[in-house]
Protein backbone atom coordinates (compact mmCIF):
# COMPACT_ATOMS: atom_id res chain seq x y z
CA MET A 1 116.16 11.04 126.96
CA SER A 2 116.92 11.20 123.03
CA PHE A 3 115.22 13.54 120.68
CA THR A 4 112.51 12.26 118.26
CA LEU A 5 111.10 14.17 115.33
CA PRO A 6 107.25 13.96 115.83
CA PRO A 7 104.86 14.01 112.72
CA LEU A 8 103.16 17.23 111.98
CA PRO A 9 99.76 17.50 113.78
CA TYR A 10 98.13 18.38 110.47
CA ALA A 11 98.78 17.63 106.69
CA TYR A 12 101.57 19.40 104.85
CA ASP A 13 99.24 21.37 102.75
CA ALA A 14 96.75 22.18 105.82
CA LEU A 15 98.05 25.73 106.31
CA GLN A 16 98.03 26.96 102.70
CA PRO A 17 98.08 29.65 101.41
CA TYR A 18 99.78 31.24 104.43
CA MET A 19 102.41 28.59 104.78
CA SER A 20 102.95 26.17 101.77
CA LYS A 21 103.34 22.42 101.50
CA GLU A 22 106.83 23.06 100.26
CA THR A 23 107.78 25.17 103.40
CA LEU A 24 106.54 22.64 105.68
CA GLU A 25 108.36 19.69 103.84
CA TYR A 26 111.57 21.47 104.09
CA HIS A 27 111.06 23.09 107.40
CA HIS A 28 109.81 19.92 109.22
CA ASP A 29 111.55 17.04 107.21
CA LYS A 30 114.77 18.80 106.63
CA HIS A 31 115.64 21.47 109.36
CA HIS A 32 113.74 20.11 112.34
CA ASN A 33 115.25 16.72 111.49
CA ALA A 34 118.71 18.04 111.21
CA TYR A 35 118.42 19.57 114.80
CA VAL A 36 117.06 16.06 116.19
CA THR A 37 120.03 14.08 114.38
CA ALA A 38 122.77 16.62 115.50
CA GLY A 39 121.02 16.92 119.00
CA ASN A 40 121.17 13.20 119.58
CA SER A 41 124.84 13.04 118.42
CA LEU A 42 125.89 15.77 120.81
CA LEU A 43 123.99 14.69 123.76
CA LYS A 44 126.24 11.66 124.12
CA ASP A 45 128.73 12.10 126.80
CA SER A 46 127.61 15.81 127.40
CA GLY A 47 126.61 14.94 131.03
CA LEU A 48 123.02 15.93 130.24
CA GLU A 49 121.89 12.24 129.14
CA GLY A 50 118.62 11.38 130.81
CA LYS A 51 117.58 14.99 131.75
CA SER A 52 114.39 16.55 130.29
CA LEU A 53 114.60 18.74 127.22
CA GLU A 54 113.85 21.77 129.10
CA GLU A 55 116.84 20.99 131.49
CA ILE A 56 119.15 20.13 128.77
CA VAL A 57 118.33 23.57 127.07
CA ARG A 58 118.99 25.40 130.33
CA GLY A 59 121.96 23.14 131.36
CA SER A 60 123.92 23.68 127.87
CA PHE A 61 123.04 27.33 127.66
CA GLY A 62 126.41 29.29 127.73
CA LYS A 63 128.49 25.96 128.36
CA ASN A 64 127.89 23.81 125.28
CA ALA A 65 127.01 25.87 122.21
CA PRO A 66 126.50 23.07 119.69
CA LEU A 67 124.29 21.03 121.96
CA PHE A 68 122.40 24.05 123.08
CA ASN A 69 121.81 25.26 119.60
CA ASN A 70 120.25 21.92 118.55
CA ALA A 71 118.29 21.25 121.63
CA GLY A 72 116.93 24.71 121.78
CA GLN A 73 115.72 24.40 118.26
CA HIS A 74 114.22 21.03 118.84
CA TYR A 75 112.44 22.55 121.68
CA ASN A 76 111.34 25.65 119.69
CA HIS A 77 110.12 23.50 116.88
CA LEU A 78 108.38 21.01 118.77
CA HIS A 79 106.09 23.78 119.94
CA PHE A 80 106.08 25.75 116.80
CA TRP A 81 104.09 22.95 114.89
CA LYS A 82 101.61 22.94 117.69
CA TRP A 83 101.28 26.78 117.85
CA MET A 84 99.61 26.49 114.45
CA LYS A 85 96.64 25.12 113.08
CA PRO A 86 94.28 25.24 110.00
CA ASN A 87 91.89 28.25 110.30
CA GLY A 88 93.70 29.47 113.17
CA GLY A 89 94.79 33.17 114.39
CA GLY A 90 92.44 36.04 114.48
CA ALA A 91 90.76 37.41 117.58
CA LYS A 92 89.30 34.25 118.95
CA ILE A 93 91.41 34.11 122.05
CA PRO A 94 90.59 32.14 124.90
CA GLY A 95 89.48 34.30 127.95
CA ALA A 96 92.36 33.64 130.52
CA VAL A 97 94.93 34.17 127.92
CA GLU A 98 93.06 37.17 126.56
CA LYS A 99 92.94 38.83 130.09
CA ALA A 100 96.54 38.12 130.83
CA ILE A 101 97.61 39.64 127.53
CA ILE A 102 95.51 42.82 128.28
CA ASP A 103 96.92 43.01 131.82
CA GLY A 104 100.59 42.54 130.73
CA ILE A 105 100.77 44.42 127.53
CA GLY A 106 97.46 46.59 127.32
CA SER A 107 95.51 45.32 124.53
CA ILE A 108 95.37 42.30 121.89
CA ASP A 109 96.22 45.10 118.99
CA LYS A 110 99.26 46.39 121.10
CA MET A 111 100.31 42.73 121.55
CA LYS A 112 100.07 42.00 117.82
CA GLU A 113 101.86 45.27 117.09
CA ASP A 114 104.74 44.60 119.53
CA PHE A 115 104.96 40.75 118.37
CA ILE A 116 105.26 41.73 114.69
CA ALA A 117 107.93 44.45 115.83
CA ALA A 118 109.80 41.83 117.56
CA GLY A 119 109.79 39.47 114.52
CA VAL A 120 110.74 41.98 112.26
CA GLY A 121 113.35 43.77 114.53
CA GLN A 122 115.06 40.49 115.11
CA PHE A 123 118.13 40.94 113.12
CA GLY A 124 119.27 37.83 111.20
CA SER A 125 117.72 34.42 112.38
CA GLY A 126 115.70 34.20 115.56
CA TRP A 127 112.34 34.07 117.21
CA ALA A 128 109.49 36.34 118.29
CA TRP A 129 107.74 35.17 121.58
CA LEU A 130 104.92 35.94 123.82
CA VAL A 131 106.01 34.76 127.15
CA VAL A 132 105.10 34.71 130.99
CA LYS A 133 107.89 36.06 133.21
CA ASP A 134 107.25 36.84 136.73
CA GLY A 135 103.51 36.25 136.33
CA LYS A 136 103.10 38.54 133.65
CA VAL A 137 102.62 38.27 129.81
CA SER A 138 105.03 40.29 127.45
CA VAL A 139 106.69 40.02 124.17
CA MET A 140 110.18 39.33 123.63
CA LYS A 141 112.67 38.09 120.79
CA THR A 142 115.75 35.89 120.95
CA PRO A 143 118.53 35.34 118.21
CA ASN A 144 119.08 32.04 116.45
CA GLY A 145 117.86 29.05 118.48
CA GLU A 146 117.74 30.86 121.82
CA ASN A 147 114.35 30.60 123.65
CA PRO A 148 112.94 32.29 126.65
CA LEU A 149 113.74 29.38 128.98
CA VAL A 150 117.31 30.60 129.36
CA HIS A 151 116.04 34.23 130.37
CA GLY A 152 114.00 33.25 133.27
CA ALA A 153 110.66 33.35 131.08
CA THR A 154 108.42 30.55 129.83
CA PRO A 155 107.26 30.82 126.22
CA ILE A 156 103.43 30.39 125.41
CA LEU A 157 103.65 31.48 121.82
CA GLY A 158 106.51 31.57 119.42
CA CYS A 159 107.11 32.59 115.70
CA ASP A 160 110.06 31.34 113.91
CA VAL A 161 111.68 34.16 111.79
CA TRP A 162 114.58 32.07 110.18
CA GLU A 163 114.37 32.65 106.54
CA HIS A 164 113.72 29.02 106.01
CA SER A 165 110.31 29.34 107.70
CA TYR A 166 108.92 31.94 105.51
CA TYR A 167 111.33 32.66 102.33
CA ILE A 168 109.63 30.25 99.91
CA ASP A 169 106.21 31.86 100.61
CA TYR A 170 106.88 35.58 101.41
CA ARG A 171 110.47 36.25 100.15
CA ASN A 172 112.02 39.01 102.13
CA ARG A 173 108.58 40.30 103.38
CA ARG A 174 109.02 39.06 107.04
CA ALA A 175 106.50 41.57 108.40
CA ASP A 176 103.68 40.13 106.08
CA TYR A 177 104.68 36.47 107.25
CA VAL A 178 104.40 37.29 110.98
CA LYS A 179 101.01 39.23 110.21
CA ALA A 180 99.74 36.10 108.41
CA PHE A 181 100.99 33.74 111.32
CA LEU A 182 98.98 36.03 113.95
CA ASP A 183 95.97 36.51 111.82
CA HIS A 184 95.56 33.05 110.23
CA LEU A 185 97.75 30.33 111.96
CA VAL A 186 98.05 30.77 115.77
CA ASN A 187 96.62 27.90 117.49
CA TRP A 188 95.23 29.76 120.54
CA ASP A 189 93.96 26.78 122.24
CA TYR A 190 97.58 25.61 122.71
CA VAL A 191 98.69 29.02 123.63
CA GLU A 192 95.92 28.81 126.41
CA GLU A 193 97.20 25.25 127.25
CA MET A 194 100.94 26.61 127.67
CA PHE A 195 99.83 29.53 129.60
CA GLN A 196 97.66 27.47 132.13
CA ALA A 197 100.72 25.30 132.76
CA THR A 198 102.50 28.59 134.18
CA ARG A 199 100.00 29.22 136.67
């Protein structure tokens, strides 16, 4: 398979004021597009041509760092755009996901607290995640373009904490960005869809 850049599922200004048009233009059109372009080039003669994106991510981890970095970031961003929507976030969480979060983490408030801590505590670039591993929901973080797939977990929600994801809007206030992501941007219906696919 080759990597392609999908259009955003909403207008560039649809997530304002929590994520600006300028941020989305840079992040989607420049950064994500760069991962797609580099990933396609690196995929040639890698031995992973024709595999699914998930197989490419897992297959290149620890073996082909340049391909892994770009394929991983392509995977992460394909979902990141769908994990957000206008007027998202808050406490309107579908029942199955809500129950799984409470069973795995203790409460929705504890999940949000742990998720923000993971995003803020990730030194340098990386991601904060809500994942399913061994049938249980938990929070984790990964550096750079790494994702939970290579740690035996399936991501159901991820927040990009690379500076290009928030610096235009929040400068160095990463905690405020992650909190705004949870409170105002998360598309819980897509989280539910990804959660159901793990069952």
